[in-house]
Amino acid sequence: MRNPPLYSHAYRFAELVFRGTGTFPKQLRPVLGRRLEEHALDLLSHTQKALFNREETLLKEALTLVDSIKLLLQLAHDLKALSHHEFGQMTDTQMQIGRMLKGLLAYRRKKSGLPMQETEDDSAAR
């Protein structure tokens, strides 16, 4: 059985993170490396649960993790712990996961008849 694309992306992202943090400088590995790894695993777990459970809170928590991961990746890149290539791969995958999660949330809200809630990005664009 094939995994849903959202789960496959989250799994690939976790793999990328674990490969990338393995080469972190010694002083950054215990804190920044571990935090990135834990967030990647939490995102994978939340994604799996959200796909098979209809709770909106799991999707929102996964989206919050995506935002936190974005900040951690930027910090790791700025501190030269991640190469430009690694940063690009991880960021692209993280952004794809975020778009998929937002799409799934919108689909479920529409299907359930709940009103679409405006995101911060939507309100800032006005």
Protein backbone atom coordinates (compact mmCIF):
# COMPACT_ATOMS: atom_id res chain seq x y z
CA MET A 1 0.00 0.00 0.00
CA ARG A 2 1.29 3.42 -0.98
CA ASN A 3 1.50 6.17 1.62
CA PRO A 4 -0.38 9.44 1.05
CA PRO A 5 1.84 12.16 -0.52
CA LEU A 6 1.65 14.33 2.61
CA TYR A 7 3.00 11.51 4.77
CA SER A 8 5.69 10.68 2.19
CA HIS A 9 6.86 14.30 2.20
CA ALA A 10 6.93 14.39 6.01
CA TYR A 11 8.91 11.14 6.07
CA ARG A 12 11.37 12.45 3.47
CA PHE A 13 11.74 15.65 5.47
CA ALA A 14 12.61 13.68 8.62
CA GLU A 15 15.23 11.75 6.64
CA LEU A 16 16.73 15.00 5.31
CA VAL A 17 16.87 16.49 8.80
CA PHE A 18 18.58 13.46 10.34
CA ARG A 19 21.14 13.36 7.53
CA GLY A 20 21.76 17.10 7.82
CA THR A 21 22.08 17.26 11.59
CA GLY A 22 24.61 14.45 11.55
CA THR A 23 27.16 16.90 10.17
CA PHE A 24 26.33 19.78 12.55
CA PRO A 25 29.27 21.27 14.46
CA LYS A 26 29.72 19.67 17.87
CA GLN A 27 28.53 22.74 19.79
CA LEU A 28 25.25 23.01 17.81
CA ARG A 29 24.32 19.33 17.67
CA PRO A 30 23.00 18.90 21.24
CA VAL A 31 20.62 21.86 21.11
CA LEU A 32 19.80 22.97 17.58
CA GLY A 33 20.34 19.56 16.00
CA ARG A 34 18.23 17.77 18.58
CA ARG A 35 15.46 20.37 18.40
CA LEU A 36 15.28 20.05 14.61
CA GLU A 37 15.23 16.26 14.85
CA GLU A 38 12.49 16.28 17.48
CA HIS A 39 10.38 18.73 15.48
CA ALA A 40 10.80 16.59 12.34
CA LEU A 41 9.68 13.47 14.22
CA ASP A 42 6.77 15.35 15.81
CA LEU A 43 5.73 16.63 12.39
CA LEU A 44 5.83 13.10 10.99
CA SER A 45 3.76 11.80 13.90
CA HIS A 46 1.21 14.64 13.74
CA THR A 47 0.90 14.21 9.98
CA GLN A 48 0.21 10.51 10.29
CA LYS A 49 -2.38 11.08 13.02
CA ALA A 50 -4.01 13.95 11.12
CA LEU A 51 -4.42 11.85 7.99
CA PHE A 52 -6.34 9.14 9.81
CA ASN A 53 -8.08 11.26 12.41
CA ARG A 54 -10.50 14.06 11.61
CA GLU A 55 -9.43 16.32 14.48
CA GLU A 56 -8.62 19.81 13.25
CA THR A 57 -6.29 20.40 16.21
CA LEU A 58 -3.78 17.88 14.86
CA LEU A 59 -3.56 19.78 11.57
CA LYS A 60 -3.15 23.08 13.40
CA GLU A 61 -0.42 21.62 15.60
CA ALA A 62 1.35 20.25 12.53
CA LEU A 63 1.18 23.70 10.91
CA THR A 64 2.65 25.23 14.07
CA LEU A 65 5.51 22.73 13.86
CA VAL A 66 6.10 23.69 10.22
CA ASP A 67 6.46 27.34 11.28
CA SER A 68 8.86 26.44 14.10
CA ILE A 69 10.91 24.27 11.77
CA LYS A 70 11.20 27.16 9.32
CA LEU A 71 12.85 29.28 12.02
CA LEU A 72 15.17 26.47 13.12
CA LEU A 73 16.27 25.79 9.55
CA GLN A 74 17.02 29.46 8.96
CA LEU A 75 19.05 29.64 12.17
CA ALA A 76 20.99 26.48 11.27
CA HIS A 77 21.73 27.89 7.82
CA ASP A 78 22.79 31.28 9.19
CA LEU A 79 25.14 29.54 11.65
CA LYS A 80 26.62 27.57 8.72
CA ALA A 81 25.47 24.25 10.19
CA LEU A 82 23.57 23.49 6.97
CA SER A 83 24.95 23.91 3.47
CA HIS A 84 22.99 25.93 0.92
CA HIS A 85 22.00 22.68 -0.79
CA GLU A 86 20.76 21.02 2.42
CA PHE A 87 18.94 24.18 3.45
CA GLY A 88 17.29 24.43 0.03
CA GLN A 89 16.13 20.80 0.06
CA MET A 90 14.77 21.01 3.60
CA THR A 91 13.09 24.35 3.06
CA ASP A 92 11.42 23.25 -0.17
CA THR A 93 10.11 20.08 1.46
CA GLN A 94 8.97 21.97 4.57
CA MET A 95 7.09 24.48 2.39
CA GLN A 96 5.41 21.69 0.40
CA ILE A 97 4.28 20.06 3.64
CA GLY A 98 2.89 23.38 4.87
CA ARG A 99 0.91 23.89 1.65
CA MET A 100 -0.44 20.35 1.79
CA LEU A 101 -1.49 20.73 5.44
CA LYS A 102 -3.24 24.03 4.70
CA GLY A 103 -5.00 22.45 1.73
CA LEU A 104 -6.14 19.48 3.80
CA LEU A 105 -7.40 21.80 6.54
CA ALA A 106 -9.33 23.89 4.01
CA TYR A 107 -10.77 20.77 2.37
CA ARG A 108 -11.93 19.33 5.68
CA ARG A 109 -13.49 22.62 6.75
CA LYS A 110 -15.32 22.94 3.44
CA LYS A 111 -16.49 19.34 3.58
CA SER A 112 -17.76 19.70 7.14
CA GLY A 113 -19.48 23.01 6.41
CA LEU A 114 -17.31 24.97 8.83
CA PRO A 115 -16.48 28.54 7.82
CA MET A 116 -13.05 29.09 6.36
CA GLN A 117 -10.90 30.90 8.87
CA GLU A 118 -8.58 33.58 7.65
CA THR A 119 -4.89 32.89 8.24
CA GLU A 120 -2.33 35.49 9.22
CA ASP A 121 -0.87 35.31 5.69
CA ASP A 122 -4.27 36.08 4.18
CA SER A 123 -4.92 39.07 6.42
CA ALA A 124 -1.40 40.46 5.88
CA ALA A 125 -1.90 40.36 2.11
CA ARG A 126 -4.76 42.86 2.35
